[in-house]
């Protein structure tokens, strides 16, 4: 029996449909595919950066054109759209951070994987006007997902959800600098 027809893991013959399979050749092909994949992913990232840069320049040119033409109402609308986009990003990050913190407090060992599983949580977790999560809905949301995905071992088994989660008697904390920043940001947006 030749070396190329033997499985390297246990010495059993490799069934190649009657033909001998060269494991080293397959490894070379796999390595070549991985290298090509890395090259293509680099190209995609490069082109994405160029596209983003181009889009930013287009917006700048449009702003400049509107300003030169004295179309201040259109310029104001363009700025409002940009600010709404920033506000939405800020809101999402703030809400995500609360979900992550609660998951970590409940013993989550891989918060990023947990967030990928979570999906849209806005229907399950209630948030007030300052985008602060309601502790009761947040606690029950985390516990439901903890039970649902227990086979993935994302949570330490001996850690429970935060004590005030799910009790409904949690009192709002005094405003932190983060909350003050949110308030200021929302005032700037006109919300």
Protein backbone atom coordinates (compact mmCIF):
# COMPACT_ATOMS: atom_id res chain seq x y z
CA UNK A 1 0.00 0.00 0.00
CA UNK A 2 1.53 3.36 -0.99
CA UNK A 3 1.78 6.26 1.41
CA UNK A 4 -0.55 8.44 -0.68
CA UNK A 5 -3.46 5.97 -0.23
CA UNK A 6 -3.25 5.94 3.58
CA UNK A 7 -5.22 8.23 5.86
CA UNK A 8 -2.62 10.10 7.92
CA UNK A 9 -4.77 10.04 11.06
CA UNK A 10 -5.00 6.29 11.54
CA UNK A 11 -3.40 4.46 8.67
CA UNK A 12 -6.71 3.35 7.13
CA UNK A 13 -6.92 3.37 3.33
CA UNK A 14 -8.51 6.49 1.88
CA UNK A 15 -11.41 5.78 -0.44
CA UNK A 16 -10.86 7.95 -3.44
CA UNK A 17 -13.35 6.21 -5.68
CA UNK A 18 -10.82 3.63 -6.79
CA UNK A 19 -8.09 6.18 -7.47
CA UNK A 20 -5.34 7.05 -5.01
CA UNK A 21 -5.78 10.37 -3.20
CA UNK A 22 -2.65 12.39 -2.59
CA UNK A 23 -3.18 14.04 0.79
CA UNK A 24 -0.26 16.41 0.32
CA UNK A 25 -1.71 17.59 -2.99
CA UNK A 26 -5.07 18.23 -1.32
CA UNK A 27 -3.31 20.20 1.42
CA UNK A 28 -1.51 22.29 -1.21
CA UNK A 29 -4.82 23.01 -2.93
CA UNK A 30 -6.42 23.95 0.38
CA UNK A 31 -3.52 26.29 1.21
CA UNK A 32 -3.79 27.88 -2.25
CA UNK A 33 -7.55 28.42 -1.75
CA UNK A 34 -6.96 29.99 1.67
CA UNK A 35 -4.33 32.33 0.20
CA UNK A 36 -6.68 33.33 -2.64
CA UNK A 37 -9.48 33.90 -0.12
CA UNK A 38 -7.25 36.22 1.94
CA UNK A 39 -6.27 38.09 -1.23
CA UNK A 40 -9.90 38.53 -2.28
CA UNK A 41 -11.00 39.60 1.20
CA UNK A 42 -8.22 42.21 1.17
CA UNK A 43 -9.51 43.48 -2.17
CA UNK A 44 -13.07 43.68 -0.84
CA UNK A 45 -11.94 45.65 2.23
CA UNK A 46 -9.85 47.99 0.09
CA UNK A 47 -12.72 48.62 -2.33
CA UNK A 48 -15.12 49.17 0.58
CA UNK A 49 -12.81 51.83 2.03
CA UNK A 50 -12.52 53.51 -1.38
CA UNK A 51 -16.30 53.45 -1.84
CA UNK A 52 -16.85 54.98 1.59
CA UNK A 53 -14.29 57.68 0.84
CA UNK A 54 -15.95 58.39 -2.50
CA UNK A 55 -19.39 58.63 -0.89
CA UNK A 56 -18.06 61.03 1.77
CA UNK A 57 -16.53 63.22 -0.95
CA UNK A 58 -19.83 63.21 -2.84
CA UNK A 59 -21.68 64.41 0.27
CA UNK A 60 -19.07 67.14 0.82
CA UNK A 61 -19.40 68.30 -2.78
CA UNK A 62 -23.21 68.33 -2.51
CA UNK A 63 -22.98 70.40 0.69
CA UNK A 64 -20.58 72.83 -0.96
CA UNK A 65 -22.83 73.14 -4.03
CA UNK A 66 -25.90 73.81 -1.91
CA UNK A 67 -24.01 76.40 0.11
CA UNK A 68 -22.73 78.17 -3.01
CA UNK A 69 -26.23 78.23 -4.51
CA UNK A 70 -27.66 79.65 -1.30
CA UNK A 71 -29.98 76.69 -0.80
CA UNK A 72 -29.76 76.70 2.96
CA UNK A 73 -33.02 74.84 3.54
CA UNK A 74 -31.76 71.86 1.50
CA UNK A 75 -28.41 72.09 3.28
CA UNK A 76 -30.18 72.04 6.64
CA UNK A 77 -32.22 68.98 5.59
CA UNK A 78 -29.02 67.22 4.50
CA UNK A 79 -27.42 67.95 7.88
CA UNK A 80 -30.53 66.72 9.71
CA UNK A 81 -30.36 63.41 7.81
CA UNK A 82 -26.72 63.01 8.77
CA UNK A 83 -27.51 63.77 12.41
CA UNK A 84 -30.41 61.32 12.45
CA UNK A 85 -28.06 58.62 11.19
CA UNK A 86 -25.56 59.45 13.92
CA UNK A 87 -28.35 59.52 16.50
CA UNK A 88 -29.56 56.08 15.43
CA UNK A 89 -26.02 54.68 15.68
CA UNK A 90 -25.61 56.22 19.11
CA UNK A 91 -28.96 54.86 20.27
CA UNK A 92 -28.15 51.36 19.02
CA UNK A 93 -24.73 51.34 20.67
CA UNK A 94 -26.17 52.56 23.95
CA UNK A 95 -28.89 49.91 23.95
CA UNK A 96 -26.45 47.18 22.85
CA UNK A 97 -24.09 48.07 25.67
CA UNK A 98 -26.87 47.56 28.23
CA UNK A 99 -27.72 44.15 26.79
CA UNK A 100 -24.02 43.19 26.83
CA UNK A 101 -23.56 44.37 30.41
CA UNK A 102 -26.61 42.43 31.61
CA UNK A 103 -25.47 39.29 29.75
CA UNK A 104 -22.01 39.57 31.26
CA UNK A 105 -23.49 40.09 34.74
CA UNK A 106 -25.57 36.94 34.19
CA UNK A 107 -22.39 34.96 33.48
CA UNK A 108 -22.10 35.18 29.70
CA UNK A 109 -18.65 34.01 28.67
CA UNK A 110 -18.83 35.16 25.03
CA UNK A 111 -20.81 38.39 24.81
CA UNK A 112 -20.12 38.92 21.08
CA UNK A 113 -21.50 35.48 20.17
CA UNK A 114 -24.49 36.15 22.42
CA UNK A 115 -25.21 39.45 20.66
CA UNK A 116 -25.17 37.69 17.29
CA UNK A 117 -27.80 35.27 18.57
CA UNK A 118 -29.93 38.00 20.12
CA UNK A 119 -30.97 39.68 16.88
CA UNK A 120 -33.66 42.36 17.31
CA UNK A 121 -34.27 42.74 21.02
CA UNK A 122 -36.31 45.94 20.89
CA UNK A 123 -39.58 43.98 20.92
CA UNK A 124 -38.53 42.03 24.02
CA UNK A 125 -36.71 44.63 26.10
CA UNK A 126 -38.45 47.86 26.99
CA UNK A 127 -36.46 51.10 26.86
CA UNK A 128 -37.47 54.49 28.19
CA UNK A 129 -37.07 57.82 26.36
CA UNK A 130 -33.43 58.01 27.51
CA UNK A 131 -32.80 54.54 26.03
CA UNK A 132 -32.37 52.96 29.46
CA UNK A 133 -33.51 49.36 29.63
CA UNK A 134 -36.31 48.37 31.98
CA UNK A 135 -34.62 46.02 34.45
CA UNK A 136 -37.56 43.60 34.58
CA UNK A 137 -37.85 43.09 30.81
CA UNK A 138 -34.06 42.99 30.43
CA UNK A 139 -33.70 40.36 33.16
CA UNK A 140 -36.43 38.13 31.75
CA UNK A 141 -35.01 38.54 28.22
CA UNK A 142 -31.53 37.46 29.35
CA UNK A 143 -32.93 34.53 31.36
CA UNK A 144 -35.07 33.33 28.42
CA UNK A 145 -32.09 33.37 26.08
CA UNK A 146 -29.90 31.76 28.72
CA UNK A 147 -32.37 28.86 28.91
CA UNK A 148 -32.92 28.71 25.15
CA UNK A 149 -29.22 28.52 24.30
CA UNK A 150 -27.95 26.53 27.28
CA UNK A 151 -26.55 23.81 24.97
CA UNK A 152 -24.17 26.43 23.53
CA UNK A 153 -22.62 26.95 26.98
CA UNK A 154 -22.52 30.72 26.61
CA UNK A 155 -23.26 31.22 30.31
CA UNK A 156 -21.58 29.99 33.45
CA UNK A 157 -24.09 27.72 35.14
CA UNK A 158 -23.64 29.12 38.65
CA UNK A 159 -24.38 32.78 37.85
CA UNK A 160 -27.89 34.19 38.04
CA UNK A 161 -29.27 37.33 36.42
CA UNK A 162 -28.63 40.57 38.35
CA UNK A 163 -30.60 40.80 41.59
CA UNK A 164 -32.73 43.73 40.52
CA UNK A 165 -33.52 42.20 37.12
CA UNK A 166 -37.06 40.92 37.01
CA UNK A 167 -38.16 42.37 40.33
CA UNK A 168 -39.66 45.54 38.93
CA UNK A 169 -38.63 47.50 42.02
CA UNK A 170 -35.32 48.81 40.73
CA UNK A 171 -35.02 52.54 41.24
CA UNK A 172 -33.45 54.68 38.55
CA UNK A 173 -29.87 55.53 39.33
CA UNK A 174 -28.75 59.13 39.45
CA UNK A 175 -27.72 60.43 36.05
CA UNK A 176 -24.23 59.44 35.05
CA UNK A 177 -22.00 61.37 32.71
CA UNK A 178 -23.06 58.94 29.97
CA UNK A 179 -26.71 59.75 30.59
CA UNK A 180 -25.96 63.47 30.64
CA UNK A 181 -24.17 63.07 27.30
CA UNK A 182 -27.21 61.27 25.88
CA UNK A 183 -29.49 64.08 27.08
CA UNK A 184 -27.25 66.72 25.53
CA UNK A 185 -27.03 64.77 22.29
CA UNK A 186 -30.79 64.36 22.08
CA UNK A 187 -31.29 68.10 22.71
CA UNK A 188 -28.89 68.85 19.87
CA UNK A 189 -30.88 66.58 17.59
CA UNK A 190 -34.05 68.32 18.58
CA UNK A 191 -35.64 65.13 19.88
